[in-house]
N, C-alpha and C. Protein backbone atom coordinates (compact mmCIF):
# COMPACT_ATOMS: atom_id res chain seq x y z
N MET A 1 0.79 -1.33 -0.03
CA MET A 1 0.02 -0.11 0.03
C MET A 1 0.84 1.30 0.52
N ARG A 2 2.14 1.35 0.86
CA ARG A 2 2.98 2.48 0.71
C ARG A 2 3.36 2.67 -0.16
N SER A 3 3.97 1.56 -0.86
CA SER A 3 4.36 1.77 -2.72
C SER A 3 3.79 2.34 -3.58
N ALA A 4 2.16 1.78 -3.26
CA ALA A 4 1.75 2.27 -4.24
C ALA A 4 0.99 3.93 -4.36
N PHE A 5 1.27 4.27 -3.04
CA PHE A 5 1.01 5.43 -2.63
C PHE A 5 2.08 6.53 -2.94
N VAL A 6 3.40 6.33 -2.91
CA VAL A 6 4.44 6.73 -3.25
C VAL A 6 4.25 7.04 -4.73
N ALA A 7 4.33 5.99 -5.22
CA ALA A 7 4.10 5.66 -6.84
C ALA A 7 3.15 6.73 -7.58
N LEU A 8 1.66 7.00 -6.69
CA LEU A 8 0.87 7.87 -6.89
C LEU A 8 1.30 8.97 -7.02
N LEU A 9 1.89 9.44 -5.72
CA LEU A 9 2.62 10.86 -5.62
C LEU A 9 3.36 10.74 -6.59
N GLY A 10 4.42 10.62 -6.83
CA GLY A 10 5.20 10.28 -8.24
C GLY A 10 4.84 10.75 -9.72
N ILE A 11 3.85 10.15 -10.01
CA ILE A 11 2.77 10.58 -10.89
C ILE A 11 2.26 11.51 -11.01
N LEU A 12 1.57 12.20 -9.70
CA LEU A 12 0.97 13.49 -9.62
C LEU A 12 2.02 14.90 -9.79
N CYS A 13 3.26 14.46 -9.14
CA CYS A 13 4.27 15.83 -9.57
C CYS A 13 4.74 15.53 -10.59
N VAL A 14 4.69 14.64 -11.40
CA VAL A 14 5.10 14.89 -12.61
C VAL A 14 4.34 15.67 -13.54
N CYS A 15 2.88 15.19 -13.50
CA CYS A 15 1.71 16.04 -14.02
C CYS A 15 2.13 17.21 -13.61
N SER A 16 1.82 17.69 -12.41
CA SER A 16 1.94 19.10 -11.98
C SER A 16 3.01 19.73 -12.52
N ASN A 17 4.12 19.24 -12.96
CA ASN A 17 5.29 20.01 -13.65
C ASN A 17 5.15 20.17 -14.84
N ALA A 18 4.67 18.80 -15.88
CA ALA A 18 4.00 18.95 -16.85
C ALA A 18 3.29 20.50 -17.20
N GLY A 19 1.91 20.03 -16.36
CA GLY A 19 0.90 21.23 -16.52
C GLY A 19 1.49 22.38 -16.64
N ALA A 20 2.51 22.90 -15.62
CA ALA A 20 3.25 24.20 -15.30
C ALA A 20 4.17 24.14 -16.57
N GLN A 21 4.35 23.44 -17.55
CA GLN A 21 5.25 23.72 -18.82
C GLN A 21 4.78 22.97 -20.02
N SER A 22 3.71 23.33 -19.77
CA SER A 22 2.65 22.89 -20.65
C SER A 22 3.01 23.85 -22.35
N VAL A 23 2.75 23.27 -23.71
CA VAL A 23 2.06 24.18 -24.44
C VAL A 23 0.97 24.36 -24.38
N GLU A 24 0.96 26.33 -24.54
CA GLU A 24 -0.19 26.85 -24.54
C GLU A 24 -0.85 27.48 -25.76
N LEU A 25 -1.74 27.69 -26.05
CA LEU A 25 -2.44 28.32 -27.63
C LEU A 25 -3.43 28.82 -26.81
N THR A 26 -3.27 29.96 -27.53
CA THR A 26 -4.43 30.84 -26.83
C THR A 26 -5.11 31.90 -28.19
N PRO A 27 -6.31 31.78 -28.67
CA PRO A 27 -6.99 32.62 -29.29
C PRO A 27 -7.54 33.59 -28.76
N PHE A 28 -7.58 35.09 -29.40
CA PHE A 28 -7.82 36.45 -28.63
C PHE A 28 -8.35 37.35 -29.43
N GLY A 29 -9.26 38.20 -28.73
CA GLY A 29 -9.76 39.44 -29.73
C GLY A 29 -9.37 40.85 -28.65
N GLY A 30 -9.75 41.67 -29.32
CA GLY A 30 -9.48 42.92 -28.69
C GLY A 30 -9.34 44.01 -29.52
N TYR A 31 -8.78 44.92 -29.06
CA TYR A 31 -8.59 46.81 -30.02
C TYR A 31 -7.32 47.44 -30.07
N ARG A 32 -7.22 47.47 -31.32
CA ARG A 32 -6.04 48.26 -32.15
C ARG A 32 -6.34 49.35 -31.86
N PHE A 33 -5.06 50.01 -31.44
CA PHE A 33 -4.96 51.68 -32.08
C PHE A 33 -4.05 51.66 -32.88
N GLY A 34 -3.91 52.68 -33.45
CA GLY A 34 -2.79 53.29 -34.59
C GLY A 34 -2.47 54.62 -34.45
N ALA A 35 -1.25 54.91 -34.68
CA ALA A 35 -0.87 56.18 -34.29
C ALA A 35 0.97 56.03 -35.12
N GLY A 36 0.92 57.27 -36.39
CA GLY A 36 2.21 57.34 -36.71
C GLY A 36 1.76 57.87 -38.14
N VAL A 37 2.88 58.28 -38.54
CA VAL A 37 3.23 58.66 -39.86
C VAL A 37 4.58 58.46 -40.63
N GLY A 38 4.51 58.17 -42.04
CA GLY A 38 5.37 57.07 -42.24
C GLY A 38 5.11 57.85 -43.92
N VAL A 39 5.98 56.87 -44.82
CA VAL A 39 6.08 57.78 -46.09
C VAL A 39 6.54 56.56 -47.02
N VAL A 40 5.34 56.05 -48.06
CA VAL A 40 5.60 54.96 -48.93
C VAL A 40 5.67 55.18 -50.13
N ASP A 41 6.39 55.05 -50.99
CA ASP A 41 6.52 55.16 -52.41
C ASP A 41 6.30 56.84 -52.59
N GLY A 42 7.31 57.62 -51.36
CA GLY A 42 7.68 58.95 -51.55
C GLY A 42 6.03 59.60 -51.09
N ALA A 43 5.18 59.10 -50.77
CA ALA A 43 4.00 59.67 -50.42
C ALA A 43 3.56 59.38 -49.09
N PRO A 44 3.40 60.75 -47.96
CA PRO A 44 3.30 60.49 -46.81
C PRO A 44 1.73 59.26 -46.80
N VAL A 45 1.59 58.89 -45.49
CA VAL A 45 0.69 57.88 -45.17
C VAL A 45 0.60 57.90 -43.42
N VAL A 46 -0.93 58.22 -42.94
CA VAL A 46 -1.21 58.78 -41.53
C VAL A 46 -1.79 57.34 -41.33
N ASP A 47 -1.44 56.95 -40.24
CA ASP A 47 -2.18 55.44 -39.47
C ASP A 47 -2.69 56.27 -38.12
N ASP A 48 -3.96 56.89 -38.01
CA ASP A 48 -4.63 57.18 -37.07
C ASP A 48 -5.68 56.40 -36.53
N ASP A 49 -6.04 55.30 -37.13
CA ASP A 49 -7.64 54.59 -36.86
C ASP A 49 -7.59 53.43 -35.69
N GLY A 50 -8.53 53.18 -35.35
CA GLY A 50 -8.48 52.07 -34.70
C GLY A 50 -9.28 50.96 -34.76
N GLY A 51 -9.36 49.66 -34.54
CA GLY A 51 -10.82 48.56 -34.69
C GLY A 51 -10.45 47.58 -33.93
N VAL A 52 -11.54 46.86 -34.47
CA VAL A 52 -11.26 44.90 -33.63
C VAL A 52 -9.81 44.54 -34.39
N SER A 53 -9.55 44.01 -33.41
CA SER A 53 -8.27 42.92 -33.73
C SER A 53 -8.73 41.45 -33.23
N PHE A 54 -8.32 40.46 -34.03
CA PHE A 54 -7.68 39.08 -33.64
C PHE A 54 -6.93 38.02 -33.68
N GLY A 55 -6.45 37.39 -32.84
CA GLY A 55 -5.69 36.50 -33.37
C GLY A 55 -5.25 35.33 -32.79
N MET A 56 -3.96 34.68 -32.39
CA MET A 56 -3.31 33.15 -32.08
C MET A 56 -2.00 33.87 -31.66
N VAL A 57 -2.09 33.54 -29.90
CA VAL A 57 -0.33 33.18 -29.51
C VAL A 57 -0.70 31.85 -29.24
N LEU A 58 0.89 31.35 -29.55
CA LEU A 58 1.20 30.06 -29.40
C LEU A 58 2.60 30.33 -28.75
N ASP A 59 3.08 29.47 -27.10
CA ASP A 59 3.57 29.72 -26.21
C ASP A 59 4.30 27.69 -26.23
N ILE A 60 5.45 27.96 -26.39
CA ILE A 60 6.34 26.40 -25.95
C ILE A 60 7.13 26.78 -24.96
N PRO A 61 7.57 25.94 -24.07
CA PRO A 61 8.31 26.19 -23.06
C PRO A 61 9.61 25.61 -23.61
N PHE A 62 10.87 25.97 -23.11
CA PHE A 62 12.42 25.50 -22.96
C PHE A 62 13.14 25.61 -22.03
N GLY A 63 14.46 25.16 -22.06
CA GLY A 63 14.94 25.56 -20.66
C GLY A 63 14.29 24.60 -19.24
N ASP A 64 15.35 25.68 -18.37
CA ASP A 64 14.96 25.22 -16.97
C ASP A 64 13.50 25.39 -16.64
N PRO A 65 12.84 24.24 -16.43
CA PRO A 65 11.15 24.82 -15.98
C PRO A 65 10.89 25.44 -14.82
N ARG A 66 11.83 25.92 -14.24
CA ARG A 66 11.49 26.94 -13.20
C ARG A 66 12.03 28.49 -13.70
N GLY A 67 12.47 28.44 -15.34
CA GLY A 67 12.98 29.60 -15.35
C GLY A 67 11.58 30.54 -16.00
N GLY A 68 10.58 29.75 -16.55
CA GLY A 68 9.36 30.59 -16.99
C GLY A 68 9.68 31.30 -18.66
N ARG A 69 10.68 30.76 -19.50
CA ARG A 69 10.54 31.40 -20.57
C ARG A 69 10.14 30.57 -21.59
N LYS A 70 9.58 30.93 -22.54
CA LYS A 70 8.82 30.11 -23.32
C LYS A 70 9.09 30.98 -25.15
N PHE A 71 9.18 30.20 -25.98
CA PHE A 71 8.93 30.49 -27.13
C PHE A 71 7.76 31.12 -27.37
N GLU A 72 7.35 32.12 -28.45
CA GLU A 72 6.23 33.08 -28.50
C GLU A 72 5.76 32.76 -29.83
N ALA A 73 4.97 32.96 -30.81
CA ALA A 73 4.39 32.89 -32.13
C ALA A 73 3.32 33.70 -32.37
N VAL A 74 3.35 34.97 -32.83
CA VAL A 74 1.88 35.64 -32.75
C VAL A 74 1.32 35.89 -34.26
N PHE A 75 0.23 35.95 -34.46
CA PHE A 75 -0.92 35.87 -35.59
C PHE A 75 -1.99 37.33 -35.19
N SER A 76 -1.61 38.13 -35.52
CA SER A 76 -2.49 39.39 -35.21
C SER A 76 -3.14 40.06 -36.28
N ARG A 77 -4.80 40.49 -36.42
CA ARG A 77 -5.53 41.07 -38.08
C ARG A 77 -6.16 41.98 -37.14
N ALA A 78 -6.03 43.07 -37.73
CA ALA A 78 -7.15 44.35 -37.46
C ALA A 78 -6.77 44.87 -39.01
N GLN A 79 -8.62 45.96 -38.95
CA GLN A 79 -8.48 46.18 -40.02
C GLN A 79 -8.55 48.02 -39.70
N ALA A 80 -7.81 49.04 -40.65
CA ALA A 80 -8.05 50.32 -40.00
C ALA A 80 -7.93 51.25 -41.67
N ARG A 81 -8.41 52.49 -41.44
CA ARG A 81 -8.43 53.30 -42.52
C ARG A 81 -7.44 53.97 -42.34
N VAL A 82 -6.47 54.18 -43.32
CA VAL A 82 -5.52 55.26 -43.48
C VAL A 82 -5.17 56.11 -44.13
N THR A 83 -4.71 57.47 -44.27
CA THR A 83 -4.92 58.59 -45.29
C THR A 83 -3.61 58.97 -45.86
N ALA A 84 -3.71 58.87 -47.16
CA ALA A 84 -2.33 58.82 -47.71
C ALA A 84 -2.69 60.05 -48.55
N GLN A 85 -1.68 60.80 -49.20
CA GLN A 85 -1.63 62.02 -49.96
C GLN A 85 -0.37 61.78 -50.92
N PRO A 86 -0.99 61.28 -52.25
CA PRO A 86 0.02 61.05 -53.43
C PRO A 86 0.84 62.30 -53.85
N THR A 87 0.09 63.52 -54.09
CA THR A 87 1.05 64.25 -53.96
C THR A 87 0.76 65.91 -53.20
N PHE A 88 1.21 66.62 -53.39
CA PHE A 88 1.13 67.76 -52.44
C PHE A 88 -0.17 68.69 -52.77
N PHE A 89 -0.73 68.86 -53.95
CA PHE A 89 -1.60 69.15 -54.63
C PHE A 89 -2.81 67.66 -54.54
N SER A 90 -2.69 66.91 -54.41
CA SER A 90 -4.12 66.24 -54.69
C SER A 90 -4.44 66.12 -53.17
N PRO A 91 -5.89 65.81 -53.10
CA PRO A 91 -6.33 65.30 -51.89
C PRO A 91 -6.02 64.25 -51.35
N PRO A 92 -6.51 64.32 -49.53
CA PRO A 92 -5.91 63.32 -49.26
C PRO A 92 -7.13 61.77 -49.57
N ILE A 93 -6.24 61.06 -49.45
CA ILE A 93 -7.52 59.68 -49.91
C ILE A 93 -7.49 58.78 -48.54
N ARG A 94 -8.73 58.19 -48.02
CA ARG A 94 -9.06 57.58 -47.08
C ARG A 94 -8.98 55.98 -47.28
N GLU A 95 -8.20 55.07 -47.23
CA GLU A 95 -8.35 53.35 -47.83
C GLU A 95 -8.42 52.77 -46.71
N LEU A 96 -9.54 51.52 -46.93
CA LEU A 96 -9.42 50.79 -45.79
C LEU A 96 -7.97 49.72 -45.79
N THR A 97 -7.61 49.27 -44.92
CA THR A 97 -6.31 48.58 -44.71
C THR A 97 -6.68 47.57 -43.99
N THR A 98 -6.12 46.23 -44.01
CA THR A 98 -6.17 45.05 -43.11
C THR A 98 -4.52 44.67 -43.19
N VAL A 99 -4.01 45.02 -42.05
CA VAL A 99 -2.66 44.50 -41.35
C VAL A 99 -2.37 43.65 -40.56
N ASP A 100 -1.82 42.73 -40.49
CA ASP A 100 -1.82 41.44 -40.27
C ASP A 100 -0.06 41.58 -39.97
N HIS A 101 0.19 40.90 -38.00
CA HIS A 101 0.99 41.17 -37.73
C HIS A 101 1.69 39.71 -37.67
N MET A 102 2.82 39.19 -38.20
CA MET A 102 3.21 37.94 -37.91
C MET A 102 4.52 38.06 -37.45
N MET A 103 4.99 37.30 -35.78
CA MET A 103 6.20 37.73 -35.24
C MET A 103 6.03 36.22 -34.30
N VAL A 104 7.16 36.00 -33.88
CA VAL A 104 8.35 35.47 -33.01
C VAL A 104 9.17 35.95 -32.24
N GLY A 105 9.56 35.39 -31.23
CA GLY A 105 10.07 35.50 -30.01
C GLY A 105 10.22 35.37 -29.02
N LEU A 106 10.45 35.72 -27.47
CA LEU A 106 10.18 35.14 -26.09
C LEU A 106 9.45 35.65 -25.28
N MET A 107 8.99 34.78 -24.47
CA MET A 107 7.96 35.51 -23.52
C MET A 107 8.53 34.85 -22.21
N GLN A 108 8.56 36.09 -21.10
CA GLN A 108 9.49 35.71 -19.89
C GLN A 108 8.31 36.01 -18.77
N GLU A 109 8.29 34.96 -17.90
CA GLU A 109 6.95 35.02 -16.77
C GLU A 109 8.05 35.81 -15.56
N LEU A 110 7.09 36.34 -15.08
CA LEU A 110 7.88 37.16 -14.07
C LEU A 110 7.64 36.59 -12.50
N ASP A 111 9.02 36.11 -11.71
CA ASP A 111 8.70 35.52 -10.53
C ASP A 111 8.06 34.66 -10.81
N PRO A 112 8.17 33.56 -11.60
CA PRO A 112 7.36 32.23 -12.20
C PRO A 112 7.26 31.10 -10.95
N LEU A 113 6.08 30.96 -10.39
CA LEU A 113 6.31 29.50 -9.20
C LEU A 113 5.74 28.47 -10.38
N PRO A 114 6.15 27.75 -10.25
CA PRO A 114 5.76 26.33 -10.91
C PRO A 114 4.16 25.82 -10.20
N GLY A 115 3.33 25.92 -11.36
CA GLY A 115 1.75 25.11 -11.06
C GLY A 115 0.77 26.29 -10.57
N ALA A 116 1.62 27.56 -10.33
CA ALA A 116 0.73 29.17 -10.11
C ALA A 116 -0.38 29.06 -10.83
N ALA A 117 -1.67 29.37 -10.09
CA ALA A 117 -2.65 30.18 -11.04
C ALA A 117 -2.40 30.88 -11.69
N ALA A 118 -1.65 31.66 -11.30
CA ALA A 118 -1.79 33.32 -12.17
C ALA A 118 -0.24 34.22 -12.24
N SER A 119 0.08 34.54 -12.97
CA SER A 119 1.50 35.00 -12.95
C SER A 119 1.40 36.13 -13.93
N ALA A 120 2.39 36.93 -14.09
CA ALA A 120 2.80 38.09 -14.88
C ALA A 120 3.73 37.81 -16.05
N PHE A 121 3.87 38.93 -17.11
CA PHE A 121 4.50 38.13 -18.19
C PHE A 121 5.09 39.44 -19.05
N ILE A 122 5.99 39.34 -19.60
CA ILE A 122 6.46 40.22 -20.53
C ILE A 122 6.88 39.40 -21.74
N SER A 123 6.77 39.93 -23.02
CA SER A 123 7.61 39.27 -24.22
C SER A 123 8.12 40.36 -25.56
N GLY A 124 9.12 39.85 -25.93
CA GLY A 124 9.82 40.30 -27.25
C GLY A 124 9.36 39.50 -28.27
N LEU A 125 9.09 40.59 -29.38
CA LEU A 125 8.64 39.51 -30.65
C LEU A 125 9.52 40.38 -31.84
N VAL A 126 9.78 39.87 -33.20
CA VAL A 126 10.47 40.21 -34.14
C VAL A 126 10.13 40.01 -35.28
N GLY A 127 9.11 40.57 -36.19
CA GLY A 127 8.80 39.44 -37.62
C GLY A 127 8.21 40.95 -38.55
N VAL A 128 7.34 40.51 -39.17
CA VAL A 128 6.60 41.04 -40.77
C VAL A 128 5.56 41.31 -40.31
N SER A 129 4.69 42.88 -40.93
CA SER A 129 4.21 43.00 -40.76
C SER A 129 3.20 43.31 -42.28
N ARG A 130 2.00 42.69 -42.56
CA ARG A 130 1.29 42.65 -43.83
C ARG A 130 0.62 43.54 -44.04
N TYR A 131 0.69 44.78 -44.84
CA TYR A 131 -0.14 45.87 -45.46
C TYR A 131 -1.19 45.25 -46.71
N ALA A 132 -2.22 45.23 -46.56
CA ALA A 132 -2.91 45.05 -48.14
C ALA A 132 -3.84 45.70 -48.13
N ALA A 133 -4.13 46.81 -49.31
CA ALA A 133 -4.79 47.23 -49.92
C ALA A 133 -5.28 47.52 -51.07
N ALA A 134 -6.41 47.29 -51.56
CA ALA A 134 -6.60 47.36 -52.90
C ALA A 134 -5.77 47.09 -53.96
N GLY A 135 -6.17 45.54 -53.52
CA GLY A 135 -5.02 44.83 -54.79
C GLY A 135 -3.55 45.07 -54.29
N ASP A 136 -2.98 46.02 -53.28
CA ASP A 136 -1.75 46.11 -52.93
C ASP A 136 -1.19 45.21 -51.83
N THR A 137 -0.07 44.41 -51.78
CA THR A 137 0.37 43.79 -50.06
C THR A 137 1.76 44.72 -50.22
N GLU A 138 2.40 44.71 -49.22
CA GLU A 138 3.45 44.97 -48.39
C GLU A 138 3.91 44.38 -47.33
N LEU A 139 5.14 44.16 -47.19
CA LEU A 139 5.52 43.15 -46.47
C LEU A 139 6.86 44.09 -45.66
N LEU A 140 6.57 44.80 -44.19
CA LEU A 140 7.41 45.10 -44.04
C LEU A 140 8.22 44.88 -42.03
N PHE A 141 9.19 45.14 -41.88
CA PHE A 141 10.21 44.71 -40.82
C PHE A 141 8.85 45.54 -39.49
N SER A 142 9.00 44.53 -38.31
CA SER A 142 8.27 44.81 -37.57
C SER A 142 8.79 44.38 -35.92
N ILE A 143 8.86 45.04 -34.94
CA ILE A 143 9.06 44.80 -33.45
C ILE A 143 7.99 44.72 -32.79
N GLY A 144 8.38 43.91 -31.52
CA GLY A 144 7.23 44.19 -30.92
C GLY A 144 7.29 43.76 -29.42
N LEU A 145 6.53 44.02 -28.60
CA LEU A 145 6.80 44.16 -26.96
C LEU A 145 5.60 44.20 -26.22
N GLY A 146 5.23 43.23 -25.31
CA GLY A 146 4.13 42.76 -24.46
C GLY A 146 4.33 42.87 -22.85
N ALA A 147 3.42 42.89 -22.39
CA ALA A 147 3.33 42.98 -21.25
C ALA A 147 1.42 42.48 -20.57
N GLY A 148 1.51 41.40 -19.77
CA GLY A 148 0.04 40.69 -19.21
C GLY A 148 0.16 40.07 -18.07
N GLY A 149 -1.15 39.48 -17.90
CA GLY A 149 -0.90 38.50 -16.92
C GLY A 149 -1.78 37.23 -17.46
N ARG A 150 -1.82 36.28 -17.07
CA ARG A 150 -2.08 34.78 -17.48
C ARG A 150 -2.88 34.04 -15.78
N PHE A 151 -4.20 33.53 -15.97
CA PHE A 151 -4.88 33.54 -14.57
C PHE A 151 -5.50 32.04 -15.12
N PHE A 152 -5.14 31.18 -14.46
CA PHE A 152 -5.52 29.61 -14.95
C PHE A 152 -6.61 28.86 -13.44
N ALA A 153 -7.65 28.73 -14.46
CA ALA A 153 -8.91 28.13 -13.40
C ALA A 153 -9.01 26.54 -13.49
N THR A 154 -8.20 26.07 -14.25
CA THR A 154 -7.89 24.22 -14.26
C THR A 154 -6.40 24.82 -15.19
N ARG A 155 -5.78 23.15 -14.89
CA ARG A 155 -4.70 23.06 -15.14
C ARG A 155 -4.45 23.28 -16.86
N HIS A 156 -5.72 23.48 -17.81
CA HIS A 156 -5.91 22.86 -19.39
C HIS A 156 -6.51 24.16 -19.51
N LEU A 157 -6.95 25.21 -18.95
CA LEU A 157 -7.94 26.32 -19.15
C LEU A 157 -7.51 27.25 -18.03
N GLY A 158 -7.29 28.53 -19.08
CA GLY A 158 -6.75 29.90 -18.35
C GLY A 158 -7.35 31.28 -19.12
N LEU A 159 -7.32 32.24 -18.55
CA LEU A 159 -7.50 33.33 -19.57
C LEU A 159 -6.22 34.66 -19.55
N ARG A 160 -6.02 35.26 -20.92
CA ARG A 160 -4.81 36.06 -20.78
C ARG A 160 -5.22 36.91 -21.10
N VAL A 161 -5.10 38.05 -20.58
CA VAL A 161 -4.92 39.90 -20.55
C VAL A 161 -3.58 40.20 -21.09
N GLU A 162 -3.62 41.11 -22.06
CA GLU A 162 -2.61 42.01 -22.74
C GLU A 162 -2.58 42.80 -23.14
N GLY A 163 -1.92 43.95 -23.01
CA GLY A 163 -0.90 44.67 -24.08
C GLY A 163 0.14 44.73 -24.76
N ARG A 164 -0.06 44.73 -26.28
CA ARG A 164 1.39 44.60 -26.61
C ARG A 164 1.33 45.99 -27.97
N GLY A 165 2.58 46.44 -27.89
CA GLY A 165 2.58 47.12 -28.81
C GLY A 165 3.86 47.08 -29.99
N TYR A 166 3.39 47.49 -31.38
CA TYR A 166 4.12 47.00 -32.75
C TYR A 166 4.86 49.04 -33.07
N MET A 167 6.03 48.40 -33.45
CA MET A 167 6.66 49.49 -34.15
C MET A 167 6.97 49.19 -36.13
N THR A 168 6.58 49.45 -36.49
CA THR A 168 6.63 48.64 -38.17
C THR A 168 7.48 49.89 -38.95
N ILE A 169 8.60 49.53 -39.50
CA ILE A 169 9.56 50.38 -40.19
C ILE A 169 9.01 50.61 -41.71
N VAL A 170 7.83 51.73 -42.17
CA VAL A 170 7.52 51.76 -43.55
C VAL A 170 8.56 52.18 -44.34
N ASP A 171 9.39 53.03 -44.04
CA ASP A 171 9.90 53.10 -45.30
C ASP A 171 11.80 53.34 -44.59
N LEU A 172 12.76 53.08 -45.39
CA LEU A 172 14.16 53.00 -44.52
C LEU A 172 15.40 53.10 -45.65
N GLY A 173 16.17 54.06 -45.26
CA GLY A 173 16.88 54.48 -46.49
C GLY A 173 18.32 55.01 -45.85
N GLY A 174 19.31 55.29 -46.88
CA GLY A 174 20.50 55.96 -46.04
C GLY A 174 21.16 56.56 -47.31
N ALA A 175 22.36 57.16 -46.81
CA ALA A 175 23.57 57.26 -47.85
C ALA A 175 24.65 57.65 -46.87
N ALA A 176 25.58 57.48 -47.80
CA ALA A 176 27.10 57.47 -46.95
C ALA A 176 28.09 58.47 -47.67
N ALA A 177 28.24 59.65 -47.21
CA ALA A 177 29.65 60.16 -47.91
C ALA A 177 30.97 60.52 -47.41
N CYS A 178 32.40 60.30 -47.85
CA CYS A 178 33.16 60.29 -47.34
C CYS A 178 34.30 61.19 -47.75
N SER A 179 34.92 61.62 -47.18
CA SER A 179 36.15 62.96 -47.58
C SER A 179 36.70 63.46 -46.39
N GLY A 180 37.92 62.52 -46.06
CA GLY A 180 38.60 63.01 -45.30
C GLY A 180 37.92 61.93 -43.99
N GLY A 181 37.05 61.46 -44.36
CA GLY A 181 36.12 60.79 -43.11
C GLY A 181 34.49 60.37 -43.93
N CYS A 182 34.19 59.68 -43.08
CA CYS A 182 32.88 59.09 -43.47
C CYS A 182 31.70 59.46 -42.57
N THR A 183 30.64 59.95 -43.33
CA THR A 183 29.55 60.45 -42.54
C THR A 183 28.41 59.59 -43.24
N ILE A 184 27.56 58.97 -42.28
CA ILE A 184 26.73 58.08 -42.63
C ILE A 184 25.29 58.22 -42.49
N LEU A 185 24.09 58.69 -42.87
CA LEU A 185 23.06 59.32 -42.51
C LEU A 185 21.75 57.80 -42.91
N LEU A 186 20.92 57.88 -41.97
CA LEU A 186 20.01 57.13 -42.14
C LEU A 186 18.52 57.50 -41.79
N ARG A 187 17.57 56.91 -42.38
CA ARG A 187 16.53 57.55 -42.12
C ARG A 187 15.30 56.20 -41.93
N ALA A 188 14.83 56.62 -41.07
CA ALA A 188 13.43 55.41 -40.97
C ALA A 188 12.12 56.19 -40.37
N ASN A 189 11.11 55.69 -41.17
CA ASN A 189 9.81 56.23 -40.99
C ASN A 189 8.92 55.23 -40.12
N PRO A 190 8.64 55.31 -38.77
CA PRO A 190 7.95 54.17 -38.24
C PRO A 190 6.51 54.44 -37.80
N VAL A 191 5.47 53.67 -37.92
CA VAL A 191 4.17 53.74 -37.58
C VAL A 191 4.28 52.78 -36.23
N PHE A 192 3.57 52.82 -35.53
CA PHE A 192 3.48 52.59 -33.97
C PHE A 192 1.60 52.12 -33.72
N GLN A 193 1.80 50.85 -32.79
CA GLN A 193 0.43 50.52 -33.23
C GLN A 193 0.32 49.86 -31.92
N ALA A 194 -0.77 49.55 -31.39
CA ALA A 194 -0.72 48.66 -30.10
C ALA A 194 -2.46 47.69 -29.87
N ASP A 195 -2.44 46.42 -29.29
CA ASP A 195 -3.33 45.74 -29.43
C ASP A 195 -3.64 45.95 -27.67
N LEU A 196 -4.88 45.76 -27.30
CA LEU A 196 -5.51 45.64 -26.17
C LEU A 196 -6.09 44.60 -26.27
N THR A 197 -5.84 43.35 -25.78
CA THR A 197 -6.51 41.85 -26.09
C THR A 197 -6.81 40.97 -24.69
N ALA A 198 -7.81 40.04 -24.87
CA ALA A 198 -7.95 38.80 -23.98
C ALA A 198 -8.47 37.77 -24.60
N GLY A 199 -8.00 36.66 -24.23
CA GLY A 199 -8.01 35.07 -25.00
C GLY A 199 -8.09 34.34 -23.99
N VAL A 200 -8.48 33.17 -24.23
CA VAL A 200 -8.81 31.58 -23.58
C VAL A 200 -7.63 30.89 -23.83
N ILE A 201 -6.75 30.46 -22.95
CA ILE A 201 -5.67 29.79 -22.91
C ILE A 201 -5.99 28.54 -22.76
N VAL A 202 -5.53 27.56 -23.84
CA VAL A 202 -5.92 26.28 -23.78
C VAL A 202 -4.59 25.54 -23.88
N ALA A 203 -4.33 24.69 -22.59
CA ALA A 203 -2.76 24.01 -22.34
C ALA A 203 -3.09 22.72 -22.34
N PHE A 204 -2.25 22.24 -23.22
CA PHE A 204 -1.81 21.28 -22.99
C PHE A 204 -0.72 20.23 -23.33
């Protein structure tokens, strides 16, 4: 009887550790804010609209189980209206644009406790943003930062709330001039967006 109890205790410990280090899939919905001025093909583009966003987050643990580190992949989609002015004399054009963020990076739990029902986290991401409007599509380099909390009702189901910011480079260039020394001039026009989201965590 004692040996059976010890074996059962060992199985429960293994299951508990597995639950703390499980793969997590989180479909989410929220609201995205846009703010930024950029240049595409020489024309100024203003992104100042907001709208409903939705997507999916995948977290895969790695390394020391007590470290709380996870590989993270994020897909997020929203539609927004951007304002473009092809020339100085032409009237501004408002156009509906679909913006997808496809990113990978790392998520770090803060003061992680194995098996804890709640934890805070931060994340850092890199990837591409896809802007699609009127038959034209562009892929642009992006970086992202996120922070939020995870709250588990059971080992397999929980709630994730998060704020995530994106910076997309819509125009990047530069020039170099050398005469007794070299000077390098770089230009970058970023567009900033932010997602406020909530989703259901499915851990397995």
